[in-house]
C-alpha cells in the first residue's frame, strides 16, 4: 500500500478499500500516466476529501503508472531527539520537521544530516535509524512549467543530538523559529502541522 498526501487530503493505493474516513472517492482501471493525470485533476476539483485507487498490483501500478504522472523530487529530513526533546522548525506559520532536497551525488542520509544542520544550526547529530518514507503532491509551476504537479518523496531518519547548543533558525529559508519540544508536550505541534507528518510524530506518542 502507498499513501500520498495532497494538502490535507489523502490518496491511498492498495488492493482493497482501507480508508475508514467519510467522503472517499474510489478509482480503478487507471491504465497509464495520462489516466492518472486526468483523474488527479478531477479529484482535486471534487468535494471528495480522500481517495482510494484500487489495483491488483499496487507496487507495479505505483512504479509504472502513478509515479510517471508527476515530476518526482527526492528529499530527506530528520526527527532529531536530544534526550526526551524533539526539534521542530516553524515555517510558513506551521510546525514542521527539518528537511530538504537531495543534492546531486548525496545519499539520503547525507542529505538529511546536511539539511538539519542548515535549517537548525546544529552539528554533531547522528542517525539512529531510518523511518517511514512520506509522499506528498504540490504545485510549483514557476519552477517546473511542463509538469507542474510535483510528487515529493521524503526519506526520514531518527537522529540523536547530545550537544548543548539549542541551534538557530535558517531565516533565509523562511524559518522563523526552532524549538525543542518535550515528548509528552507535542499538542501545540499536532494542532498546527502538516497531515503527512502526523503518522511520523504519532509513532512517538504511543
Foldseek 3Di string as FASTA:
>chain_A
DAWEAEFQEIEEEEADDDDPDPQEAEAEDQDALVSLLVVVVVVVVDPRRYYYYHDPDRVCCVVGHPVVNAAEFEKEAEFEDEPQWTKWWQAPNATDTFMDTDDPPDDNLVRHQVRCCQFFVDDDKDFDAWDDKHWYWDADCVVPVVGGIYIYIYTYTYIYDHDPDRGAGNVVRRTDGMDIHGLVPCPVNVVGHTNRCVVVSVVSVD
